[in-house]
Amino acid sequence: MIYSREYPQCKNSIIYSQKYDLAKAVKKKSICKKEAAEQFCKERGLIYKLTYCSKLSVEQMVELYINNDIKFLDRYEEKFLLYIKNKLSL
């Protein structure tokens, strides 16, 4: 059984089958998203730039939070504060 999903903004279509390698499907989907983002930016006169950010340490996150440089959604702020409270009590 083969399922296919066409993306009109993408040159490549993604084909899923029982024997299809999932990693290849994910890679093609990422390529499709990239092409769609490039087209979106081109149509609106924007520049598409893909960047990779390094992972922040807990100390860096706490410092940014205290200085109000970052803000969390309410549910994540609660989890963050709980995590910091538990970490400090150790």
C-alpha atoms as a PDB file:
ATOM      1  CA  MET A   1       0.000   0.000   0.000  1.00  0.00           C
ATOM      2  CA  ILE A   2       1.465   3.354  -1.024  1.00  0.00           C
ATOM      3  CA  TYR A   3       0.332   6.728   0.220  1.00  0.00           C
ATOM      4  CA  SER A   4       1.464   9.904  -1.447  1.00  0.00           C
ATOM      5  CA  ARG A   5       0.989  13.515  -0.520  1.00  0.00           C
ATOM      6  CA  GLU A   6       1.617  16.224  -3.071  1.00  0.00           C
ATOM      7  CA  TYR A   7       2.869  19.637  -2.092  1.00  0.00           C
ATOM      8  CA  PRO A   8       2.095  22.181  -4.854  1.00  0.00           C
ATOM      9  CA  GLN A   9       4.916  24.491  -3.769  1.00  0.00           C
ATOM     10  CA  CYS A  10       7.454  21.659  -3.740  1.00  0.00           C
ATOM     11  CA  LYS A  11       9.162  20.043  -6.714  1.00  0.00           C
ATOM     12  CA  ASN A  12       9.428  16.724  -4.889  1.00  0.00           C
ATOM     13  CA  SER A  13       6.473  14.721  -3.628  1.00  0.00           C
ATOM     14  CA  ILE A  14       6.747  12.536  -0.559  1.00  0.00           C
ATOM     15  CA  ILE A  15       5.861   8.881  -1.018  1.00  0.00           C
ATOM     16  CA  TYR A  16       5.303   6.667   2.004  1.00  0.00           C
ATOM     17  CA  SER A  17       5.199   2.895   1.780  1.00  0.00           C
ATOM     18  CA  GLN A  18       5.651   0.114   4.290  1.00  0.00           C
ATOM     19  CA  LYS A  19       9.172  -0.506   3.004  1.00  0.00           C
ATOM     20  CA  TYR A  20      10.104   3.159   2.580  1.00  0.00           C
ATOM     21  CA  ASP A  21      12.959   4.485   4.662  1.00  0.00           C
ATOM     22  CA  LEU A  22      11.526   6.977   7.181  1.00  0.00           C
ATOM     23  CA  ALA A  23      14.735   9.012   7.290  1.00  0.00           C
ATOM     24  CA  LYS A  24      14.484   9.697   3.556  1.00  0.00           C
ATOM     25  CA  ALA A  25      10.856  10.757   3.928  1.00  0.00           C
ATOM     26  CA  VAL A  26      11.757  13.185   6.714  1.00  0.00           C
ATOM     27  CA  LYS A  27      14.639  14.606   4.663  1.00  0.00           C
ATOM     28  CA  LYS A  28      12.398  15.139   1.633  1.00  0.00           C
ATOM     29  CA  LYS A  29       9.784  16.811   3.825  1.00  0.00           C
ATOM     30  CA  SER A  30      12.452  19.165   5.216  1.00  0.00           C
ATOM     31  CA  ILE A  31      13.592  20.008   1.697  1.00  0.00           C
ATOM     32  CA  CYS A  32      10.001  20.709   0.747  1.00  0.00           C
ATOM     33  CA  LYS A  33       9.566  23.081   3.702  1.00  0.00           C
ATOM     34  CA  LYS A  34      12.804  24.844   2.736  1.00  0.00           C
ATOM     35  CA  GLU A  35      11.633  25.346  -0.841  1.00  0.00           C
ATOM     36  CA  ALA A  36       8.277  26.651   0.389  1.00  0.00           C
ATOM     37  CA  ALA A  37      10.014  29.093   2.755  1.00  0.00           C
ATOM     38  CA  GLU A  38      12.331  30.293  -0.010  1.00  0.00           C
ATOM     39  CA  GLN A  39       9.353  30.860  -2.326  1.00  0.00           C
ATOM     40  CA  PHE A  40       7.428  32.675   0.432  1.00  0.00           C
ATOM     41  CA  CYS A  41      10.350  35.028   1.062  1.00  0.00           C
ATOM     42  CA  LYS A  42      10.992  35.617  -2.638  1.00  0.00           C
ATOM     43  CA  GLU A  43       7.343  36.588  -3.259  1.00  0.00           C
ATOM     44  CA  ARG A  44       7.436  39.109  -0.402  1.00  0.00           C
ATOM     45  CA  GLY A  45      10.875  40.574  -1.095  1.00  0.00           C
ATOM     46  CA  LEU A  46      12.421  39.014   2.006  1.00  0.00           C
ATOM     47  CA  ILE A  47      15.752  37.238   2.412  1.00  0.00           C
ATOM     48  CA  TYR A  48      15.632  33.558   3.426  1.00  0.00           C
ATOM     49  CA  LYS A  49      18.429  32.648   5.810  1.00  0.00           C
ATOM     50  CA  LEU A  50      18.748  29.341   7.643  1.00  0.00           C
ATOM     51  CA  THR A  51      20.655  29.569  10.908  1.00  0.00           C
ATOM     52  CA  TYR A  52      21.539  27.090  13.604  1.00  0.00           C
ATOM     53  CA  CYS A  53      21.616  28.112  17.238  1.00  0.00           C
ATOM     54  CA  SER A  54      23.698  26.518  19.914  1.00  0.00           C
ATOM     55  CA  LYS A  55      21.992  25.053  22.962  1.00  0.00           C
ATOM     56  CA  LEU A  56      21.873  27.299  26.020  1.00  0.00           C
ATOM     57  CA  SER A  57      22.987  26.053  29.390  1.00  0.00           C
ATOM     58  CA  VAL A  58      20.647  26.298  32.365  1.00  0.00           C
ATOM     59  CA  GLU A  59      22.793  29.059  33.837  1.00  0.00           C
ATOM     60  CA  GLN A  60      22.530  31.099  30.638  1.00  0.00           C
ATOM     61  CA  MET A  61      18.760  30.625  30.564  1.00  0.00           C
ATOM     62  CA  VAL A  62      18.430  31.753  34.190  1.00  0.00           C
ATOM     63  CA  GLU A  63      20.562  34.833  33.507  1.00  0.00           C
ATOM     64  CA  LEU A  64      18.476  35.739  30.437  1.00  0.00           C
ATOM     65  CA  TYR A  65      15.260  35.190  32.393  1.00  0.00           C
ATOM     66  CA  ILE A  66      16.386  37.372  35.319  1.00  0.00           C
ATOM     67  CA  ASN A  67      17.415  40.172  32.920  1.00  0.00           C
ATOM     68  CA  ASN A  68      14.029  39.889  31.124  1.00  0.00           C
ATOM     69  CA  ASP A  69      15.789  39.100  27.853  1.00  0.00           C
ATOM     70  CA  ILE A  70      13.596  36.028  27.348  1.00  0.00           C
ATOM     71  CA  LYS A  71      10.025  35.296  28.328  1.00  0.00           C
ATOM     72  CA  PHE A  72       8.195  31.997  28.459  1.00  0.00           C
ATOM     73  CA  LEU A  73       4.580  31.139  27.860  1.00  0.00           C
ATOM     74  CA  ASP A  74       2.741  30.741  31.161  1.00  0.00           C
ATOM     75  CA  ARG A  75       2.818  26.939  31.144  1.00  0.00           C
ATOM     76  CA  TYR A  76       6.548  26.847  30.330  1.00  0.00           C
ATOM     77  CA  GLU A  77       7.364  29.549  32.845  1.00  0.00           C
ATOM     78  CA  GLU A  78       5.804  27.438  35.593  1.00  0.00           C
ATOM     79  CA  LYS A  79       7.830  24.411  34.513  1.00  0.00           C
ATOM     80  CA  PHE A  80      11.013  26.468  34.258  1.00  0.00           C
ATOM     81  CA  LEU A  81      10.596  27.963  37.729  1.00  0.00           C
ATOM     82  CA  LEU A  82       9.802  24.540  39.177  1.00  0.00           C
ATOM     83  CA  TYR A  83      12.894  23.083  37.498  1.00  0.00           C
ATOM     84  CA  ILE A  84      15.112  25.881  38.863  1.00  0.00           C
ATOM     85  CA  LYS A  85      13.606  25.502  42.351  1.00  0.00           C
ATOM     86  CA  ASN A  86      14.292  21.741  42.333  1.00  0.00           C
ATOM     87  CA  LYS A  87      17.782  22.234  40.952  1.00  0.00           C
ATOM     88  CA  LEU A  88      18.690  24.798  43.638  1.00  0.00           C
ATOM     89  CA  SER A  89      17.384  22.577  46.437  1.00  0.00           C
ATOM     90  CA  LEU A  90      19.836  19.781  45.448  1.00  0.00           C
END
